[in-house]
């Protein structure tokens, strides 16, 4: 079973590329994660988005601007 950069194990539930060159990957972290079905995608224009297992999100528009949203749970729930 693969692990992410925080050492959390997950199963890949779907992944691929579409005809526009955009990539996506969905991950199942199990019931103990704040967001068990996390995903990320990256676009051919350089932008990308992560919905993380701890409930946080990250978006980068590929042009120097990025937005991070912290987990809404207050920090103690799920894996970080």
PDB file of N, CA and C in Angstrom:
ATOM      1  N   UNK A   1       0.847  -1.186   0.000  1.00  0.00           N
ATOM      2  CA  UNK A   1       0.000   0.000   0.000  1.00  0.00           C
ATOM      3  C   UNK A   1       0.888   1.242   0.000  1.00  0.00           C
ATOM      4  N   UNK A   2       0.639   2.196  -0.900  1.00  0.00           N
ATOM      5  CA  UNK A   2       1.473   3.402  -0.950  1.00  0.00           C
ATOM      6  C   UNK A   2       1.245   4.315   0.251  1.00  0.00           C
ATOM      7  N   UNK A   3       2.212   5.185   0.494  1.00  0.00           N
ATOM      8  CA  UNK A   3       2.092   6.185   1.556  1.00  0.00           C
ATOM      9  C   UNK A   3       2.333   7.572   0.970  1.00  0.00           C
ATOM     10  N   UNK A   4       1.701   8.588   1.578  1.00  0.00           N
ATOM     11  CA  UNK A   4       1.911   9.957   1.119  1.00  0.00           C
ATOM     12  C   UNK A   4       3.126  10.564   1.801  1.00  0.00           C
ATOM     13  N   UNK A   5       3.379  11.847   1.591  1.00  0.00           N
ATOM     14  CA  UNK A   5       4.567  12.485   2.158  1.00  0.00           C
ATOM     15  C   UNK A   5       4.480  12.701   3.663  1.00  0.00           C
ATOM     16  N   UNK A   6       3.326  12.416   4.264  1.00  0.00           N
ATOM     17  CA  UNK A   6       3.192  12.455   5.723  1.00  0.00           C
ATOM     18  C   UNK A   6       3.264  11.060   6.341  1.00  0.00           C
ATOM     19  N   UNK A   7       3.440  10.045   5.510  1.00  0.00           N
ATOM     20  CA  UNK A   7       3.532   8.679   6.000  1.00  0.00           C
ATOM     21  C   UNK A   7       2.196   7.975   6.160  1.00  0.00           C
ATOM     22  N   UNK A   8       1.104   8.595   5.673  1.00  0.00           N
ATOM     23  CA  UNK A   8      -0.222   7.992   5.784  1.00  0.00           C
ATOM     24  C   UNK A   8      -0.482   7.057   4.603  1.00  0.00           C
ATOM     25  N   UNK A   9      -1.003   5.884   4.891  1.00  0.00           N
ATOM     26  CA  UNK A   9      -1.293   4.914   3.847  1.00  0.00           C
ATOM     27  C   UNK A   9      -2.627   5.208   3.169  1.00  0.00           C
ATOM     28  N   UNK A  10      -2.719   4.863   1.898  1.00  0.00           N
ATOM     29  CA  UNK A  10      -3.948   5.091   1.140  1.00  0.00           C
ATOM     30  C   UNK A  10      -4.048   4.083   0.006  1.00  0.00           C
ATOM     31  N   UNK A  11      -5.244   3.955  -0.537  1.00  0.00           N
ATOM     32  CA  UNK A  11      -5.482   3.201  -1.763  1.00  0.00           C
ATOM     33  C   UNK A  11      -5.881   4.183  -2.857  1.00  0.00           C
ATOM     34  N   UNK A  12      -5.346   4.006  -4.041  1.00  0.00           N
ATOM     35  CA  UNK A  12      -5.758   4.815  -5.183  1.00  0.00           C
ATOM     36  C   UNK A  12      -7.055   4.230  -5.721  1.00  0.00           C
ATOM     37  N   UNK A  13      -8.105   5.052  -5.764  1.00  0.00           N
ATOM     38  CA  UNK A  13      -9.399   4.564  -6.237  1.00  0.00           C
ATOM     39  C   UNK A  13      -9.639   4.873  -7.708  1.00  0.00           C
ATOM     40  N   UNK A  14      -9.049   5.947  -8.219  1.00  0.00           N
ATOM     41  CA  UNK A  14      -9.120   6.243  -9.647  1.00  0.00           C
ATOM     42  C   UNK A  14      -8.034   7.242 -10.001  1.00  0.00           C
ATOM     43  N   UNK A  15      -7.587   7.189 -11.227  1.00  0.00           N
ATOM     44  CA  UNK A  15      -6.585   8.142 -11.698  1.00  0.00           C
ATOM     45  C   UNK A  15      -6.548   8.108 -13.210  1.00  0.00           C
ATOM     46  N   UNK A  16      -5.995   9.137 -13.792  1.00  0.00           N
ATOM     47  CA  UNK A  16      -5.872   9.157 -15.241  1.00  0.00           C
ATOM     48  C   UNK A  16      -5.646  10.542 -15.791  1.00  0.00           C
ATOM     49  N   UNK A  17      -5.659  10.614 -17.105  1.00  0.00           N
ATOM     50  CA  UNK A  17      -5.478  11.865 -17.831  1.00  0.00           C
ATOM     51  C   UNK A  17      -6.589  11.991 -18.867  1.00  0.00           C
ATOM     52  N   UNK A  18      -7.055  13.221 -19.082  1.00  0.00           N
ATOM     53  CA  UNK A  18      -8.058  13.401 -20.113  1.00  0.00           C
ATOM     54  C   UNK A  18      -7.408  13.923 -21.397  1.00  0.00           C
ATOM     55  N   UNK A  19      -8.204  14.131 -22.409  1.00  0.00           N
ATOM     56  CA  UNK A  19      -7.667  14.503 -23.717  1.00  0.00           C
ATOM     57  C   UNK A  19      -7.049  15.898 -23.736  1.00  0.00           C
ATOM     58  N   UNK A  20      -7.369  16.728 -22.733  1.00  0.00           N
ATOM     59  CA  UNK A  20      -6.772  18.063 -22.646  1.00  0.00           C
ATOM     60  C   UNK A  20      -5.441  18.068 -21.889  1.00  0.00           C
ATOM     61  N   UNK A  21      -4.978  16.914 -21.451  1.00  0.00           N
ATOM     62  CA  UNK A  21      -3.717  16.821 -20.735  1.00  0.00           C
ATOM     63  C   UNK A  21      -3.829  17.081 -19.250  1.00  0.00           C
ATOM     64  N   UNK A  22      -5.052  17.047 -18.717  1.00  0.00           N
ATOM     65  CA  UNK A  22      -5.266  17.245 -17.293  1.00  0.00           C
ATOM     66  C   UNK A  22      -5.212  15.907 -16.571  1.00  0.00           C
ATOM     67  N   UNK A  23      -4.611  15.893 -15.394  1.00  0.00           N
ATOM     68  CA  UNK A  23      -4.411  14.675 -14.617  1.00  0.00           C
ATOM     69  C   UNK A  23      -5.235  14.736 -13.332  1.00  0.00           C
ATOM     70  N   UNK A  24      -5.775  13.586 -12.909  1.00  0.00           N
ATOM     71  CA  UNK A  24      -6.473  13.511 -11.630  1.00  0.00           C
ATOM     72  C   UNK A  24      -6.111  12.214 -10.920  1.00  0.00           C
ATOM     73  N   UNK A  25      -6.244  12.226  -9.610  1.00  0.00           N
ATOM     74  CA  UNK A  25      -5.995  11.033  -8.807  1.00  0.00           C
ATOM     75  C   UNK A  25      -6.854  11.106  -7.553  1.00  0.00           C
ATOM     76  N   UNK A  26      -7.626  10.068  -7.292  1.00  0.00           N
ATOM     77  CA  UNK A  26      -8.451   9.985  -6.085  1.00  0.00           C
ATOM     78  C   UNK A  26      -7.854   8.946  -5.150  1.00  0.00           C
ATOM     79  N   UNK A  27      -7.854   9.258  -3.846  1.00  0.00           N
ATOM     80  CA  UNK A  27      -7.258   8.377  -2.844  1.00  0.00           C
ATOM     81  C   UNK A  27      -8.246   8.094  -1.714  1.00  0.00           C
ATOM     82  N   UNK A  28      -8.226   6.871  -1.240  1.00  0.00           N
ATOM     83  CA  UNK A  28      -9.046   6.475  -0.092  1.00  0.00           C
ATOM     84  C   UNK A  28      -8.121   6.256   1.094  1.00  0.00           C
ATOM     85  N   UNK A  29      -8.265   7.090   2.120  1.00  0.00           N
ATOM     86  CA  UNK A  29      -7.436   6.996   3.317  1.00  0.00           C
ATOM     87  C   UNK A  29      -8.101   6.198   4.438  1.00  0.00           C
ATOM     88  N   UNK A  30      -9.300   5.710   4.223  1.00  0.00           N
ATOM     89  CA  UNK A  30      -9.986   4.936   5.246  1.00  0.00           C
ATOM     90  C   UNK A  30     -10.797   5.815   6.179  1.00  0.00           C
ATOM     91  N   UNK A  31     -11.558   5.159   7.036  1.00  0.00           N
ATOM     92  CA  UNK A  31     -12.529   5.857   7.876  1.00  0.00           C
ATOM     93  C   UNK A  31     -11.902   6.719   8.972  1.00  0.00           C
ATOM     94  N   UNK A  32     -10.630   6.529   9.294  1.00  0.00           N
ATOM     95  CA  UNK A  32     -10.013   7.306  10.370  1.00  0.00           C
ATOM     96  C   UNK A  32      -9.564   8.697   9.908  1.00  0.00           C
ATOM     97  N   UNK A  33      -9.565   8.954   8.616  1.00  0.00           N
ATOM     98  CA  UNK A  33      -9.141  10.258   8.104  1.00  0.00           C
ATOM     99  C   UNK A  33     -10.299  11.249   8.148  1.00  0.00           C
ATOM    100  N   UNK A  34      -9.979  12.519   8.345  1.00  0.00           N
ATOM    101  CA  UNK A  34     -11.010  13.560   8.332  1.00  0.00           C
ATOM    102  C   UNK A  34     -11.706  13.616   6.978  1.00  0.00           C
ATOM    103  N   UNK A  35     -10.939  13.444   5.922  1.00  0.00           N
ATOM    104  CA  UNK A  35     -11.463  13.415   4.561  1.00  0.00           C
ATOM    105  C   UNK A  35     -10.955  12.130   3.926  1.00  0.00           C
ATOM    106  N   UNK A  36     -11.712  11.047   4.067  1.00  0.00           N
ATOM    107  CA  UNK A  36     -11.216   9.739   3.641  1.00  0.00           C
ATOM    108  C   UNK A  36     -11.050   9.638   2.135  1.00  0.00           C
ATOM    109  N   UNK A  37     -11.833  10.380   1.380  1.00  0.00           N
ATOM    110  CA  UNK A  37     -11.752  10.326  -0.078  1.00  0.00           C
ATOM    111  C   UNK A  37     -11.145  11.619  -0.613  1.00  0.00           C
ATOM    112  N   UNK A  38      -9.845  11.722  -0.489  1.00  0.00           N
ATOM    113  CA  UNK A  38      -9.158  12.919  -0.951  1.00  0.00           C
ATOM    114  C   UNK A  38      -8.793  12.759  -2.427  1.00  0.00           C
ATOM    115  N   UNK A  39      -8.431  13.860  -3.047  1.00  0.00           N
ATOM    116  CA  UNK A  39      -8.075  13.823  -4.462  1.00  0.00           C
ATOM    117  C   UNK A  39      -7.196  15.012  -4.804  1.00  0.00           C
ATOM    118  N   UNK A  40      -6.569  14.918  -5.947  1.00  0.00           N
ATOM    119  CA  UNK A  40      -5.878  16.068  -6.495  1.00  0.00           C
ATOM    120  C   UNK A  40      -5.991  16.043  -8.006  1.00  0.00           C
ATOM    121  N   UNK A  41      -5.864  17.200  -8.599  1.00  0.00           N
ATOM    122  CA  UNK A  41      -5.804  17.268 -10.048  1.00  0.00           C
ATOM    123  C   UNK A  41      -4.808  18.341 -10.463  1.00  0.00           C
ATOM    124  N   UNK A  42      -4.255  18.168 -11.624  1.00  0.00           N
ATOM    125  CA  UNK A  42      -3.358  19.161 -12.200  1.00  0.00           C
ATOM    126  C   UNK A  42      -3.760  19.371 -13.648  1.00  0.00           C
ATOM    127  N   UNK A  43      -3.691  20.612 -14.075  1.00  0.00           N
ATOM    128  CA  UNK A  43      -4.145  20.990 -15.407  1.00  0.00           C
ATOM    129  C   UNK A  43      -2.975  21.344 -16.315  1.00  0.00           C
ATOM    130  N   UNK A  44      -3.208  21.253 -17.591  1.00  0.00           N
ATOM    131  CA  UNK A  44      -2.152  21.530 -18.563  1.00  0.00           C
ATOM    132  C   UNK A  44      -1.693  22.986 -18.521  1.00  0.00           C
ATOM    133  N   UNK A  45      -2.487  23.881 -17.928  1.00  0.00           N
ATOM    134  CA  UNK A  45      -2.089  25.293 -17.814  1.00  0.00           C
ATOM    135  C   UNK A  45      -1.193  25.553 -16.604  1.00  0.00           C
ATOM    136  N   UNK A  46      -0.849  24.503 -15.850  1.00  0.00           N
ATOM    137  CA  UNK A  46       0.045  24.643 -14.702  1.00  0.00           C
ATOM    138  C   UNK A  46      -0.660  24.763 -13.369  1.00  0.00           C
ATOM    139  N   UNK A  47      -1.979  24.897 -13.359  1.00  0.00           N
ATOM    140  CA  UNK A  47      -2.707  24.995 -12.097  1.00  0.00           C
ATOM    141  C   UNK A  47      -2.935  23.611 -11.504  1.00  0.00           C
ATOM    142  N   UNK A  48      -3.091  23.558 -10.178  1.00  0.00           N
ATOM    143  CA  UNK A  48      -3.382  22.282  -9.525  1.00  0.00           C
ATOM    144  C   UNK A  48      -4.131  22.515  -8.220  1.00  0.00           C
ATOM    145  N   UNK A  49      -4.831  21.464  -7.783  1.00  0.00           N
ATOM    146  CA  UNK A  49      -5.683  21.535  -6.596  1.00  0.00           C
ATOM    147  C   UNK A  49      -5.542  20.247  -5.805  1.00  0.00           C
ATOM    148  N   UNK A  50      -5.416  20.369  -4.489  1.00  0.00           N
ATOM    149  CA  UNK A  50      -5.364  19.221  -3.591  1.00  0.00           C
ATOM    150  C   UNK A  50      -6.475  19.320  -2.555  1.00  0.00           C
ATOM    151  N   UNK A  51      -7.237  18.267  -2.407  1.00  0.00           N
ATOM    152  CA  UNK A  51      -8.163  18.104  -1.285  1.00  0.00           C
ATOM    153  C   UNK A  51      -7.549  17.012  -0.420  1.00  0.00           C
ATOM    154  N   UNK A  52      -6.993  17.385   0.727  1.00  0.00           N
ATOM    155  CA  UNK A  52      -6.147  16.500   1.524  1.00  0.00           C
ATOM    156  C   UNK A  52      -6.923  15.654   2.533  1.00  0.00           C
ATOM    157  N   UNK A  53      -6.276  14.606   3.023  1.00  0.00           N
ATOM    158  CA  UNK A  53      -6.918  13.669   3.946  1.00  0.00           C
ATOM    159  C   UNK A  53      -7.250  14.299   5.295  1.00  0.00           C
ATOM    160  N   UNK A  54      -6.573  15.392   5.661  1.00  0.00           N
ATOM    161  CA  UNK A  54      -6.853  16.042   6.949  1.00  0.00           C
ATOM    162  C   UNK A  54      -7.950  17.096   6.840  1.00  0.00           C
ATOM    163  N   UNK A  55      -8.546  17.251   5.647  1.00  0.00           N
ATOM    164  CA  UNK A  55      -9.612  18.221   5.449  1.00  0.00           C
ATOM    165  C   UNK A  55      -9.150  19.550   4.883  1.00  0.00           C
ATOM    166  N   UNK A  56      -7.865  19.758   4.746  1.00  0.00           N
ATOM    167  CA  UNK A  56      -7.365  21.003   4.181  1.00  0.00           C
ATOM    168  C   UNK A  56      -7.414  20.945   2.651  1.00  0.00           C
ATOM    169  N   UNK A  57      -7.352  22.110   2.031  1.00  0.00           N
ATOM    170  CA  UNK A  57      -7.285  22.184   0.573  1.00  0.00           C
ATOM    171  C   UNK A  57      -6.176  23.147   0.164  1.00  0.00           C
ATOM    172  N   UNK A  58      -5.673  22.948  -1.025  1.00  0.00           N
ATOM    173  CA  UNK A  58      -4.620  23.811  -1.556  1.00  0.00           C
ATOM    174  C   UNK A  58      -4.854  23.987  -3.051  1.00  0.00           C
ATOM    175  N   UNK A  59      -4.860  25.232  -3.497  1.00  0.00           N
ATOM    176  CA  UNK A  59      -5.009  25.520  -4.919  1.00  0.00           C
ATOM    177  C   UNK A  59      -3.903  26.451  -5.367  1.00  0.00           C
ATOM    178  N   UNK A  60      -3.266  26.112  -6.462  1.00  0.00           N
ATOM    179  CA  UNK A  60      -2.248  26.955  -7.073  1.00  0.00           C
ATOM    180  C   UNK A  60      -2.693  27.209  -8.511  1.00  0.00           C
ATOM    181  N   UNK A  61      -2.770  28.473  -8.897  1.00  0.00           N
ATOM    182  CA  UNK A  61      -3.275  28.789 -10.232  1.00  0.00           C
ATOM    183  C   UNK A  61      -2.211  28.665 -11.317  1.00  0.00           C
ATOM    184  N   UNK A  62      -0.992  28.291 -10.932  1.00  0.00           N
ATOM    185  CA  UNK A  62       0.072  28.108 -11.908  1.00  0.00           C
ATOM    186  C   UNK A  62       0.720  29.391 -12.370  1.00  0.00           C
ATOM    187  N   UNK A  63       0.295  30.515 -11.781  1.00  0.00           N
ATOM    188  CA  UNK A  63       0.835  31.808 -12.183  1.00  0.00           C
ATOM    189  C   UNK A  63       1.317  32.611 -10.979  1.00  0.00           C
ATOM    190  N   UNK A  64       1.697  31.913  -9.924  1.00  0.00           N
ATOM    191  CA  UNK A  64       2.262  32.578  -8.760  1.00  0.00           C
ATOM    192  C   UNK A  64       1.301  32.872  -7.634  1.00  0.00           C
ATOM    193  N   UNK A  65       0.045  32.472  -7.764  1.00  0.00           N
ATOM    194  CA  UNK A  65      -0.931  32.707  -6.712  1.00  0.00           C
ATOM    195  C   UNK A  65      -1.434  31.375  -6.171  1.00  0.00           C
ATOM    196  N   UNK A  66      -1.494  31.253  -4.843  1.00  0.00           N
ATOM    197  CA  UNK A  66      -1.926  30.006  -4.226  1.00  0.00           C
ATOM    198  C   UNK A  66      -2.830  30.302  -3.040  1.00  0.00           C
ATOM    199  N   UNK A  67      -3.755  29.377  -2.773  1.00  0.00           N
ATOM    200  CA  UNK A  67      -4.676  29.507  -1.649  1.00  0.00           C
ATOM    201  C   UNK A  67      -4.684  28.216  -0.858  1.00  0.00           C
ATOM    202  N   UNK A  68      -4.438  28.324   0.451  1.00  0.00           N
ATOM    203  CA  UNK A  68      -4.497  27.180   1.351  1.00  0.00           C
ATOM    204  C   UNK A  68      -5.656  27.386   2.320  1.00  0.00           C
ATOM    205  N   UNK A  69      -6.466  26.359   2.508  1.00  0.00           N
ATOM    206  CA  UNK A  69      -7.552  26.392   3.473  1.00  0.00           C
ATOM    207  C   UNK A  69      -7.285  25.335   4.528  1.00  0.00           C
ATOM    208  N   UNK A  70      -7.189  25.755   5.776  1.00  0.00           N
ATOM    209  CA  UNK A  70      -6.885  24.833   6.876  1.00  0.00           C
ATOM    210  C   UNK A  70      -8.062  23.899   7.139  1.00  0.00           C
ATOM    211  N   UNK A  71      -7.798  22.764   7.791  1.00  0.00           N
ATOM    212  CA  UNK A  71      -8.889  21.855   8.146  1.00  0.00           C
ATOM    213  C   UNK A  71      -9.925  22.556   9.021  1.00  0.00           C
ATOM    214  N   UNK A  72     -11.187  22.286   8.789  1.00  0.00           N
ATOM    215  CA  UNK A  72     -12.253  22.956   9.533  1.00  0.00           C
ATOM    216  C   UNK A  72     -12.501  22.329  10.899  1.00  0.00           C
ATOM    217  N   UNK A  73     -11.902  21.162  11.161  1.00  0.00           N
ATOM    218  CA  UNK A  73     -12.168  20.437  12.394  1.00  0.00           C
ATOM    219  C   UNK A  73     -11.479  21.032  13.604  1.00  0.00           C
ATOM    220  N   UNK A  74     -10.594  21.997  13.396  1.00  0.00           N
ATOM    221  CA  UNK A  74      -9.878  22.564  14.518  1.00  0.00           C
ATOM    222  C   UNK A  74      -8.551  21.900  14.771  1.00  0.00           C
ATOM    223  N   UNK A  75      -8.264  20.811  14.047  1.00  0.00           N
ATOM    224  CA  UNK A  75      -6.906  20.296  14.061  1.00  0.00           C
ATOM    225  C   UNK A  75      -6.697  18.947  14.692  1.00  0.00           C
ATOM    226  N   UNK A  76      -7.596  18.420  15.514  1.00  0.00           N
ATOM    227  CA  UNK A  76      -7.263  17.181  16.196  1.00  0.00           C
ATOM    228  C   UNK A  76      -7.772  15.941  15.486  1.00  0.00           C
ATOM    229  N   UNK A  77      -8.743  16.065  14.601  1.00  0.00           N
ATOM    230  CA  UNK A  77      -9.321  14.900  13.985  1.00  0.00           C
ATOM    231  C   UNK A  77      -8.545  14.415  12.788  1.00  0.00           C
ATOM    232  N   UNK A  78      -8.548  13.121  12.567  1.00  0.00           N
ATOM    233  CA  UNK A  78      -7.963  12.526  11.381  1.00  0.00           C
ATOM    234  C   UNK A  78      -6.452  12.570  11.365  1.00  0.00           C
ATOM    235  N   UNK A  79      -5.905  12.126  10.261  1.00  0.00           N
ATOM    236  CA  UNK A  79      -4.467  12.080  10.104  1.00  0.00           C
ATOM    237  C   UNK A  79      -3.970  13.379   9.483  1.00  0.00           C
ATOM    238  N   UNK A  80      -2.789  13.806   9.905  1.00  0.00           N
ATOM    239  CA  UNK A  80      -2.238  15.062   9.399  1.00  0.00           C
ATOM    240  C   UNK A  80      -0.956  14.812   8.645  1.00  0.00           C
TER     241      UNK A  80
END
